[in-house]
Protein backbone atom coordinates (compact mmCIF):
# COMPACT_ATOMS: atom_id res chain seq x y z
CA MET A 1 204.53 109.86 150.57
CA PRO A 2 207.18 108.11 148.10
CA ARG A 3 210.35 106.94 149.87
CA MET A 4 212.54 108.13 147.03
CA LEU A 5 212.37 110.96 144.15
CA THR A 6 214.14 110.99 140.89
CA LEU A 7 214.26 114.48 139.87
CA ASN A 8 214.88 114.20 135.97
CA PRO A 9 214.19 111.40 133.77
CA HIS A 10 217.76 111.45 132.58
CA ASP A 11 219.10 111.12 136.18
CA ASN A 12 220.87 108.23 137.23
CA VAL A 13 220.63 108.70 140.84
CA ALA A 14 217.52 109.21 143.09
CA ILE A 15 217.14 110.90 146.48
CA ALA A 16 216.05 109.28 149.58
CA LEU A 17 213.00 111.04 151.05
CA ASP A 18 213.23 109.14 154.40
CA ASP A 19 215.80 106.84 156.26
CA ILE A 20 215.68 103.62 154.18
CA ALA A 21 217.22 100.12 155.45
CA ALA A 22 219.14 97.72 153.17
CA GLY A 23 217.08 95.43 151.24
CA GLU A 24 214.42 97.71 150.78
CA MET A 25 212.98 98.29 147.19
CA SER A 26 213.46 101.97 145.89
CA GLY A 27 210.38 102.43 144.13
CA ASP A 28 212.50 103.68 141.03
CA GLY A 29 212.10 100.71 138.73
CA GLY A 30 212.37 98.10 141.78
CA VAL A 31 216.00 98.80 142.63
CA GLU A 32 217.07 96.93 145.67
CA LEU A 33 218.98 99.03 148.41
CA LEU A 34 222.34 97.37 148.72
CA GLN A 35 223.06 99.60 152.17
CA PRO A 36 221.04 102.05 154.30
CA ILE A 37 220.69 105.29 152.99
CA ALA A 38 220.01 108.59 155.09
CA ARG A 39 217.37 110.96 154.05
CA GLY A 40 218.60 113.62 151.65
CA HIS A 41 221.42 111.03 150.12
CA LYS A 42 221.68 109.80 146.75
CA ILE A 43 220.97 106.08 145.57
CA ALA A 44 222.20 104.75 142.26
CA ILE A 45 219.02 103.58 140.09
CA SER A 46 221.24 102.03 137.58
CA ALA A 47 224.89 100.81 137.37
CA ILE A 48 227.46 103.70 137.11
CA LYS A 49 230.95 102.83 135.56
CA ALA A 50 234.01 104.46 136.90
CA GLY A 51 234.43 107.74 134.89
CA GLN A 52 230.57 108.03 133.74
CA ASN A 53 228.82 111.25 134.72
CA VAL A 54 226.38 111.09 137.53
CA LEU A 55 223.23 113.03 136.89
CA ARG A 56 220.83 114.92 139.20
CA TYR A 57 218.40 117.61 137.96
CA GLY A 58 219.37 116.32 134.60
CA GLN A 59 222.78 118.14 134.85
CA ILE A 60 226.17 116.73 135.57
CA ILE A 61 227.27 116.54 139.31
CA GLY A 62 230.30 114.87 139.07
CA GLN A 63 232.02 111.46 138.01
CA ALA A 64 232.18 107.98 139.54
CA THR A 65 235.45 107.44 140.71
CA THR A 66 234.65 103.83 140.80
CA ASP A 67 232.15 101.04 139.61
CA ILE A 68 228.79 101.91 141.13
CA ALA A 69 226.10 99.28 141.24
CA ALA A 70 222.49 99.92 141.18
CA GLY A 71 220.98 100.20 144.52
CA GLU A 72 224.41 101.55 146.06
CA HIS A 73 224.89 104.80 148.25
CA VAL A 74 226.39 107.49 145.80
CA HIS A 75 228.50 109.99 147.89
CA ILE A 76 231.89 111.06 148.58
CA GLN A 77 233.25 107.64 148.54
CA ASN A 78 232.59 106.91 144.82
CA LEU A 79 231.81 110.28 143.46
CA GLY A 80 234.22 113.13 142.69
CA MET A 81 234.25 116.30 140.54
CA GLY A 82 235.71 115.45 137.20
CA GLU A 83 235.69 117.61 134.04
CA HIS A 84 232.76 119.87 133.93
CA ALA A 85 233.25 122.38 131.17
CA GLN A 86 229.99 124.16 130.22
CA ASP A 87 228.39 125.72 126.99
CA TYR A 88 227.63 129.08 128.33
CA ALA A 89 225.16 130.15 125.54
CA HIS A 90 225.23 133.57 126.44
CA ALA A 91 221.62 135.25 126.37
CA SER A 92 220.12 132.35 124.58
CA GLU A 93 217.45 131.43 127.00
CA ALA A 94 216.44 135.06 128.38
CA VAL A 95 212.60 134.97 128.24
CA ALA A 96 210.95 138.08 129.99
CA LEU A 97 208.18 137.20 132.49
CA GLU A 98 204.79 138.43 132.27
CA THR A 99 204.14 141.47 134.39
CA ALA A 100 201.98 141.23 137.27
CA PRO A 101 198.88 143.56 137.68
CA GLU A 102 199.70 146.66 139.61
CA GLY A 103 198.29 147.33 142.92
CA ARG A 104 200.39 145.14 145.78
CA MET A 105 201.73 147.40 148.27
CA PHE A 106 203.67 147.39 151.46
CA ASN A 107 204.15 149.81 154.37
CA GLY A 108 207.45 151.48 154.35
CA TYR A 109 209.82 154.46 155.03
CA HIS A 110 210.04 156.65 152.02
CA ARG A 111 213.67 158.02 151.94
CA ALA A 112 214.68 161.20 150.22
CA ASP A 113 216.81 159.38 147.61
CA GLY A 114 213.65 157.68 146.22
CA ARG A 115 214.30 154.30 148.10
CA VAL A 116 212.00 152.66 150.75
CA GLY A 117 213.19 151.15 153.98
CA THR A 118 211.49 148.19 155.74
CA ARG A 119 212.91 149.42 158.88
CA ASN A 120 213.92 152.71 160.90
CA TYR A 121 217.04 152.24 162.64
CA LEU A 122 219.67 154.62 163.81
CA GLY A 123 223.45 153.28 162.87
CA ILE A 124 226.56 153.94 164.33
CA LEU A 125 228.92 153.09 161.53
CA THR A 126 232.65 152.41 162.02
CA SER A 127 235.69 153.32 159.64
CA VAL A 128 237.84 150.98 161.60
CA ASN A 129 238.16 148.20 164.14
CA CYS A 130 239.83 150.73 166.57
CA SER A 131 236.54 152.63 166.76
CA GLY A 132 234.25 149.77 167.48
CA SER A 133 234.19 149.75 171.24
CA VAL A 134 233.55 153.24 171.28
CA ALA A 135 230.58 152.86 168.92
CA LYS A 136 229.30 149.96 171.18
CA PHE A 137 229.83 152.39 174.35
CA ILE A 138 227.83 155.08 172.81
CA ALA A 139 225.02 152.72 171.90
CA GLU A 140 224.97 151.35 175.44
CA ALA A 141 225.06 154.79 176.97
CA ALA A 142 222.07 155.75 174.58
CA GLU A 143 220.08 152.52 175.93
CA LYS A 144 220.92 153.19 179.54
CA SER A 145 219.81 156.88 179.31
CA GLY A 146 216.65 155.72 177.61
CA LEU A 147 217.45 158.09 174.72
CA LEU A 148 214.78 156.42 172.27
CA ASP A 149 212.02 156.43 174.90
CA GLU A 150 210.95 159.75 173.39
CA PHE A 151 211.35 158.52 169.61
CA PRO A 152 208.84 155.84 169.45
CA ASN A 153 209.21 155.56 165.48
CA ILE A 154 212.67 154.38 165.76
CA ASP A 155 213.28 150.48 165.90
CA GLY A 156 216.69 150.70 167.76
CA ILE A 157 220.27 151.64 167.71
CA VAL A 158 222.86 149.30 165.54
CA PRO A 159 226.58 149.81 166.08
CA ILE A 160 228.25 148.36 162.89
CA THR A 161 231.67 147.52 163.92
CA HIS A 162 234.25 145.10 162.17
CA GLY A 163 237.70 143.99 162.16
CA THR A 164 239.23 146.11 159.28
CA GLY A 165 239.77 149.52 158.03
CA CYS A 166 243.59 149.74 158.72
CA GLY A 167 246.70 147.48 158.29
CA MET A 168 245.95 147.62 154.66
CA SER A 169 246.55 149.44 151.24
CA GLY A 170 244.59 152.40 150.43
CA GLU A 171 244.89 152.06 147.03
CA ASN A 172 243.76 148.27 145.82
CA GLU A 173 240.75 146.06 145.38
CA GLY A 174 240.44 145.45 149.11
CA TYR A 175 240.28 149.09 150.04
CA ASP A 176 237.61 149.56 147.12
CA THR A 177 235.61 146.83 148.41
CA LEU A 178 235.44 147.98 152.07
CA PHE A 179 234.73 151.89 150.74
CA ARG A 180 231.74 150.36 148.87
CA THR A 181 230.54 148.46 151.75
CA LEU A 182 230.51 151.18 154.33
CA SER A 183 229.20 153.80 152.00
CA GLY A 184 226.34 151.22 151.13
CA TYR A 185 225.45 151.13 154.73
CA ALA A 186 225.87 154.99 155.40
CA GLN A 187 223.20 155.31 152.51
CA HIS A 188 220.98 152.16 153.41
CA PRO A 189 217.20 153.09 153.41
CA ASN A 190 216.58 150.95 156.68
CA PHE A 191 218.74 153.53 158.52
CA GLY A 192 216.92 156.81 159.26
CA GLY A 193 220.37 158.45 160.20
CA ILE A 194 223.83 157.46 160.65
CA LEU A 195 226.68 158.37 163.06
CA LEU A 196 230.02 157.76 161.36
CA ILE A 197 233.00 157.25 163.89
CA GLY A 198 236.69 156.81 163.06
CA LEU A 199 239.74 156.87 165.25
CA GLY A 200 241.69 159.42 163.04
CA CYS A 201 244.86 157.74 162.05
CA GLU A 202 243.54 154.63 159.98
CA VAL A 203 243.63 154.06 156.44
CA MET A 204 239.98 154.14 156.04
CA GLN A 205 239.76 157.62 156.59
CA VAL A 206 236.37 159.15 157.64
CA SER A 207 237.09 162.27 155.58
CA ALA A 208 237.43 160.19 152.47
CA LEU A 209 234.28 158.23 153.23
CA VAL A 210 232.63 161.77 153.75
CA GLY A 211 234.65 163.87 151.29
CA GLY A 212 232.91 166.30 149.23
CA ARG A 213 229.73 164.36 148.46
CA PRO A 214 226.27 163.90 150.01
CA ILE A 215 226.24 160.51 151.50
CA ARG A 216 222.72 160.61 152.53
CA ALA A 217 220.00 162.94 150.63
CA ASP A 218 218.33 163.77 153.73
CA GLY A 219 221.47 165.01 155.34
CA ALA A 220 220.98 162.54 158.33
CA LEU A 221 224.71 161.82 158.79
CA ARG A 222 227.31 163.23 161.31
CA TYR A 223 230.58 162.03 161.88
CA MET A 224 233.65 162.32 164.16
CA THR A 225 236.80 160.77 165.13
CA ILE A 226 237.99 159.95 168.47
CA GLN A 227 241.41 161.61 168.28
CA ASN A 228 239.96 164.86 167.30
CA GLU A 229 237.29 164.72 169.95
CA GLY A 230 239.77 164.23 172.77
CA GLY A 231 239.45 160.54 173.44
CA THR A 232 236.88 157.82 174.54
CA ARG A 233 234.80 159.69 177.23
CA LYS A 234 234.37 163.11 175.22
CA THR A 235 233.59 160.99 172.14
CA ILE A 236 230.82 159.31 173.81
CA GLU A 237 229.51 162.59 175.34
CA LYS A 238 229.49 163.91 171.97
CA GLY A 239 228.20 161.01 170.45
CA LEU A 240 225.12 160.98 172.36
CA VAL A 241 224.32 164.80 171.55
CA GLU A 242 224.82 163.82 167.79
CA LEU A 243 222.78 160.70 168.28
CA ARG A 244 219.89 162.76 169.61
CA GLY A 245 219.85 165.15 166.72
CA ILE A 246 219.78 162.33 164.27
CA ALA A 247 216.94 160.74 166.31
CA GLN A 248 214.75 163.82 166.03
CA SER A 249 215.10 163.75 162.56
CA ALA A 250 214.41 159.87 162.04
CA ASN A 251 211.47 160.01 164.55
CA ALA A 252 209.50 161.94 161.86
CA ALA A 253 209.46 159.11 159.54
CA ARG A 254 206.13 157.27 159.34
CA ARG A 255 205.13 153.92 157.47
CA GLU A 256 203.39 155.03 154.34
CA PRO A 257 202.07 152.51 151.48
CA ALA A 258 204.81 151.82 148.74
CA PRO A 259 204.81 149.72 145.64
CA ILE A 260 206.35 146.23 146.08
CA SER A 261 208.63 147.37 143.24
CA LYS A 262 210.63 149.27 146.12
CA LEU A 263 211.51 145.85 147.63
CA MET A 264 214.94 144.25 147.11
CA VAL A 265 215.45 140.90 148.32
CA GLY A 266 218.98 139.24 148.96
CA MET A 267 218.66 135.40 148.51
CA GLN A 268 220.92 133.23 150.46
CA CYS A 269 221.35 129.66 151.38
CA GLY A 270 223.45 128.09 154.14
CA GLY A 271 223.61 124.80 155.86
CA SER A 272 222.36 123.14 152.86
CA ASP A 273 220.98 119.63 152.56
CA GLY A 274 219.94 117.15 150.00
CA TYR A 275 216.42 118.56 150.37
CA SER A 276 217.37 122.39 149.47
CA GLY A 277 217.50 121.89 145.94
CA ILE A 278 214.07 120.16 145.62
CA THR A 279 212.10 122.21 148.29
CA ALA A 280 213.21 125.68 149.73
CA ASN A 281 215.13 126.86 146.76
CA PRO A 282 212.98 126.49 144.03
CA ALA A 283 210.02 127.48 146.17
CA LEU A 284 212.09 130.86 146.64
CA GLY A 285 212.46 130.75 142.94
CA VAL A 286 208.90 130.93 142.59
CA ALA A 287 208.73 133.87 144.96
CA SER A 288 211.71 135.48 143.34
CA ASP A 289 209.84 135.63 140.02
CA LEU A 290 206.68 136.92 141.79
CA LEU A 291 208.51 139.76 143.00
CA VAL A 292 210.21 140.35 139.74
CA ARG A 293 206.97 140.20 137.85
CA HIS A 294 205.74 143.07 140.19
CA GLY A 295 208.95 145.17 139.43
CA GLY A 296 211.06 144.31 142.39
CA THR A 297 214.67 143.20 142.61
CA THR A 298 216.13 139.83 143.87
CA ILE A 299 219.79 139.36 144.26
CA LEU A 300 221.60 135.93 143.80
CA SER A 301 225.25 135.90 145.32
CA GLU A 302 227.78 133.61 146.58
CA THR A 303 229.86 133.15 143.41
CA SER A 304 231.88 130.21 144.80
CA GLU A 305 228.46 128.32 145.25
CA ILE A 306 227.32 128.59 141.81
CA TYR A 307 230.32 127.25 140.18
CA GLY A 308 229.58 124.52 137.94
CA ALA A 309 225.89 125.95 137.32
CA GLU A 310 226.94 129.32 136.15
CA HIS A 311 225.82 128.12 132.44
CA LEU A 312 222.30 128.19 133.67
CA LEU A 313 222.61 131.82 134.50
CA THR A 314 224.64 132.93 131.61
CA ARG A 315 221.98 131.48 129.20
CA ARG A 316 219.53 133.65 130.98
CA ALA A 317 221.36 136.96 130.86
CA THR A 318 219.60 139.78 128.88
CA THR A 319 222.67 140.45 126.62
CA VAL A 320 225.92 138.72 125.68
CA GLU A 321 227.72 141.37 127.67
CA VAL A 322 225.91 140.60 131.09
CA GLY A 323 226.59 136.84 130.78
CA GLU A 324 230.17 137.68 130.10
CA LYS A 325 230.23 139.89 133.18
CA LEU A 326 229.10 136.98 135.24
CA ILE A 327 231.70 134.79 133.74
CA LYS A 328 234.66 137.22 134.30
CA ARG A 329 233.79 136.95 138.02
CA VAL A 330 233.99 133.36 137.86
CA ARG A 331 237.45 133.45 136.28
CA TRP A 332 238.32 136.03 138.81
CA TRP A 333 237.36 133.55 141.69
CA GLU A 334 239.47 130.62 140.07
CA ASP A 335 242.47 132.90 140.11
CA TYR A 336 241.73 134.10 143.62
CA THR A 337 241.58 130.74 144.93
CA ALA A 338 244.63 129.45 143.30
CA ARG A 339 246.96 132.14 144.14
CA ASN A 340 245.74 131.51 148.06
CA LYS A 341 246.33 127.84 147.38
CA GLY A 342 242.62 126.97 147.47
CA GLN A 343 240.32 125.27 145.12
CA MET A 344 236.99 125.96 143.85
CA ASP A 345 235.55 122.53 144.71
CA ASN A 346 236.67 122.52 148.20
CA ASN A 347 232.87 122.71 148.99
CA PRO A 348 230.50 121.44 150.33
CA SER A 349 231.16 121.82 153.86
CA PRO A 350 231.07 118.98 156.19
CA GLY A 351 227.84 119.86 157.40
CA ASN A 352 226.49 119.83 153.72
CA LYS A 353 227.90 116.42 153.18
CA ARG A 354 226.28 115.02 156.17
CA GLY A 355 223.01 116.37 154.71
CA GLY A 356 223.61 114.37 151.26
CA LEU A 357 225.46 116.86 149.37
CA THR A 358 228.55 115.45 147.71
CA THR A 359 230.22 118.07 145.10
CA ILE A 360 230.35 121.80 144.49
CA LEU A 361 228.38 121.04 141.35
CA GLU A 362 225.48 119.43 143.02
CA LYS A 363 225.47 122.12 145.78
CA SER A 364 225.68 124.81 142.89
CA LEU A 365 222.78 123.39 141.14
CA GLY A 366 220.67 123.34 143.98
CA ALA A 367 221.44 127.00 145.00
CA VAL A 368 220.83 128.45 141.50
CA ALA A 369 217.07 127.02 141.87
CA LYS A 370 216.64 130.35 144.17
CA SER A 371 216.61 132.56 141.18
CA GLY A 372 213.61 131.18 139.58
CA HIS A 373 213.36 131.62 135.87
CA ALA A 374 213.55 135.37 135.29
CA PRO A 375 216.12 136.88 133.00
CA LEU A 376 219.65 138.17 134.44
CA THR A 377 219.39 141.65 134.27
CA ASP A 378 223.06 142.51 135.33
CA VAL A 379 225.97 141.60 137.35
CA TYR A 380 227.46 143.67 140.19
CA LEU A 381 230.74 143.75 142.39
CA PHE A 382 230.57 142.95 146.13
CA ALA A 383 228.69 145.92 147.68
CA GLU A 384 227.96 147.71 144.37
CA LYS A 385 224.96 149.90 144.36
CA ILE A 386 222.12 148.11 142.56
CA ASP A 387 220.50 150.35 140.18
CA LYS A 388 218.28 147.98 138.05
CA ASN A 389 215.16 146.31 138.92
CA GLY A 390 214.69 142.47 138.18
CA PHE A 391 216.85 139.38 139.08
CA VAL A 392 220.57 140.33 139.42
CA PHE A 393 223.92 138.80 140.64
CA MET A 394 226.08 140.11 143.20
CA ASP A 395 229.66 138.98 143.45
CA SER A 396 230.42 137.30 146.95
CA PRO A 397 232.11 134.60 148.73
CA GLY A 398 229.97 131.68 149.86
CA PHE A 399 230.37 132.63 153.48
CA ASP A 400 226.82 133.66 154.62
CA PRO A 401 227.59 136.68 156.72
CA CYS A 402 229.78 138.22 154.47
CA SER A 403 227.59 137.80 151.35
CA VAL A 404 224.93 139.09 153.25
CA THR A 405 226.85 142.13 154.01
CA GLY A 406 227.43 142.79 150.59
CA GLN A 407 223.78 142.24 149.64
CA ILE A 408 222.61 144.75 152.20
CA ALA A 409 225.52 147.48 151.14
CA SER A 410 224.20 146.77 147.47
CA GLY A 411 220.59 147.96 148.75
CA ALA A 412 218.85 144.84 149.94
CA ASN A 413 215.80 145.93 152.41
CA LEU A 414 214.97 142.16 152.77
CA ILE A 415 217.13 138.76 153.14
CA VAL A 416 215.82 135.53 152.81
CA PHE A 417 217.82 132.70 153.91
CA THR A 418 216.99 128.89 152.97
CA THR A 419 218.72 126.37 155.22
CA GLY A 420 218.61 122.55 155.70
CA ARG A 421 220.91 121.96 158.66
CA GLY A 422 219.62 125.01 160.64
CA SER A 423 221.59 128.02 160.34
CA VAL A 424 220.87 131.00 163.02
CA SER A 425 221.85 134.44 162.27
CA GLY A 426 220.10 138.06 161.64
CA TYR A 427 221.22 140.96 159.68
CA MET A 428 220.51 144.29 160.98
CA PRO A 429 219.33 146.83 159.84
CA THR A 430 217.68 144.30 157.38
CA PRO A 431 215.14 141.57 158.51
CA CYS A 432 216.16 138.04 157.90
CA ILE A 433 213.39 135.54 156.62
CA LYS A 434 214.48 132.04 157.52
CA ILE A 435 213.07 129.18 155.53
CA ALA A 436 213.71 125.32 156.52
CA THR A 437 214.11 122.66 153.57
CA ASN A 438 212.77 119.83 155.78
CA SER A 439 209.98 119.40 158.30
CA GLU A 440 212.30 117.43 160.80
CA MET A 441 214.76 120.39 161.24
CA TYR A 442 211.59 122.88 161.14
CA ARG A 443 210.02 121.30 164.10
CA ARG A 444 213.23 120.72 165.93
CA MET A 445 214.34 124.42 165.36
CA SER A 446 210.99 126.08 165.29
CA ASP A 447 212.17 129.13 167.33
CA ASP A 448 214.58 130.12 164.46
CA MET A 449 212.40 129.41 161.34
CA ASP A 450 209.97 131.51 159.57
CA ILE A 451 208.51 129.21 156.86
CA ASN A 452 208.82 125.42 156.50
CA CYS A 453 209.22 124.04 153.02
CA GLY A 454 209.54 120.26 154.27
CA ASP A 455 205.71 119.98 153.67
CA ILE A 456 206.52 120.16 149.71
CA ILE A 457 207.59 116.50 150.52
CA SER A 458 205.74 115.44 153.49
CA GLU A 459 202.57 116.86 152.60
CA GLY A 460 202.46 117.35 148.74
CA VAL A 461 202.10 121.17 148.88
CA SER A 462 202.88 122.43 145.40
CA LEU A 463 206.07 124.81 144.64
CA HIS A 464 203.59 127.34 143.19
CA ASP A 465 201.54 127.36 146.79
CA LYS A 466 205.02 127.52 148.81
CA GLY A 467 206.36 130.34 146.68
CA ASP A 468 202.94 132.36 147.12
CA GLU A 469 203.45 131.93 150.82
CA ILE A 470 207.10 133.16 150.93
CA PHE A 471 206.07 136.07 148.64
CA GLU A 472 203.42 137.00 150.88
CA MET A 473 205.79 137.04 153.92
CA PHE A 474 208.00 139.37 152.22
CA ILE A 475 205.39 141.86 152.04
CA ARG A 476 204.31 141.32 155.86
CA ILE A 477 207.84 141.43 156.85
CA ALA A 478 208.70 144.58 154.79
CA SER A 479 205.54 146.28 156.35
CA GLY A 480 206.80 145.86 160.06
CA GLU A 481 206.06 142.17 161.26
CA GLN A 482 209.00 140.66 162.85
CA THR A 483 211.14 137.61 161.81
CA LYS A 484 212.18 135.06 164.29
CA SER A 485 215.83 136.33 163.98
CA GLU A 486 214.78 139.68 165.03
CA GLU A 487 212.76 138.36 167.93
CA LEU A 488 215.65 136.82 169.28
CA GLY A 489 217.94 139.64 168.74
CA PHE A 490 220.39 138.66 166.05
CA GLY A 491 222.40 141.18 164.06
CA GLY A 492 225.05 142.28 166.43
CA VAL A 493 227.95 140.48 165.00
CA GLU A 494 226.88 139.64 161.58
CA PHE A 495 228.50 142.59 159.76
CA VAL A 496 231.37 140.84 158.03
CA PRO A 497 233.06 143.18 155.19
CA TRP A 498 234.94 140.95 152.78
CA GLN A 499 238.89 141.26 153.35
CA ILE A 500 240.75 140.99 150.38
CA GLY A 501 244.50 141.24 150.15
CA ALA A 502 247.26 141.68 152.58
CA VAL A 503 246.85 142.48 156.12
CA MET A 504 249.87 144.43 157.08
């Protein structure tokens, strides 16, 4: 196993693959380390002048803020953002992937709208924070009464509660975003049925969510407000009756074979480290391309964490218009952060920096590796229903629970999450596969991690083989095998709608 790795012949930094002491030789041109360097961090392999671009992946990750000697640690003390204007070259590098042979299937729940679920939950969806406790009371009462004992084909009851729905404008971007999010969950194929509960006087009215349109093609949605039912106890009693009726319908569903083109996988990375962009993320990119070749859909998100690498996506856009849609979202984010007195380059997080990442440019280049090489088919708003197959982008914050919430609302029936520091979470009703970027963290947190990609470095496993492993896990999890986060019971607090606008 080499001690250090240079990712591109044009790079002027290498990545430490182990903790290396001062005085050791880098192995990249025989550069002597001038100071200790931790695993995942960067070392200059040639002298870098102040103001000179620092290159990793053959791409600019920032500029030296002072002269850096060969063998010196490159990090926050001597590397900053600098200028990073890019040539977007819309649709100039979009190359269709070779179509895979047909025949791969998974066992899922076929829904009336043509989509296929990977789970069969009952959801208790709330329109406003004020109905959240009652939703939980109904779920707890159903569990205590053993309501699901007679419905073995139902995976469980999921109360979907949140902290908004009132104290907001009813006519702005924030309202529209929450409306799409709640509507997306109400229609999600991993729910066999939905009970929608409001308080009655909130801004996000149940009647608006239901109003005059078939939310679910199967009709498995019932709704009520606490004020109309006569208070908490009566709502719980009525809710149990309605839940039983929904359960009778949902229990009739059975897992049946479905083409893997019906899989829609939301891709995330969180708690990233210096390994993320060289192990787990590119391996996931291989798996993403495999799914796209089989007609499936993969979703990249976290707009604030592709910043500085968006040119790699615009070049793969299928049309100029698709590329311009992505840049429109990037420009929205620049304005959004500026008017809220933030900065697009206030990332990476402290944990990311301890893992070796220095600038958002470096983090973004690693994050985009999750997308593989497939053409970018389209760009969607947060929680907007995804209606095209292939590789797509959905606008979202980089805050993982919020970003995943949008992906699930858009239709993701699987989530895959790479992590280097060790993120723990799960996202009912959609199973989440956790992928470790390094072997040390995988061993330490093996109860939470489904796949280890650290062996790409430690054992020389190829990205191709690891991508195959991830792809095969997609199929097994979609067919009913539980993820580690499901075994641990995650999913109760990870529904986090994106709140945009004033809270009044």
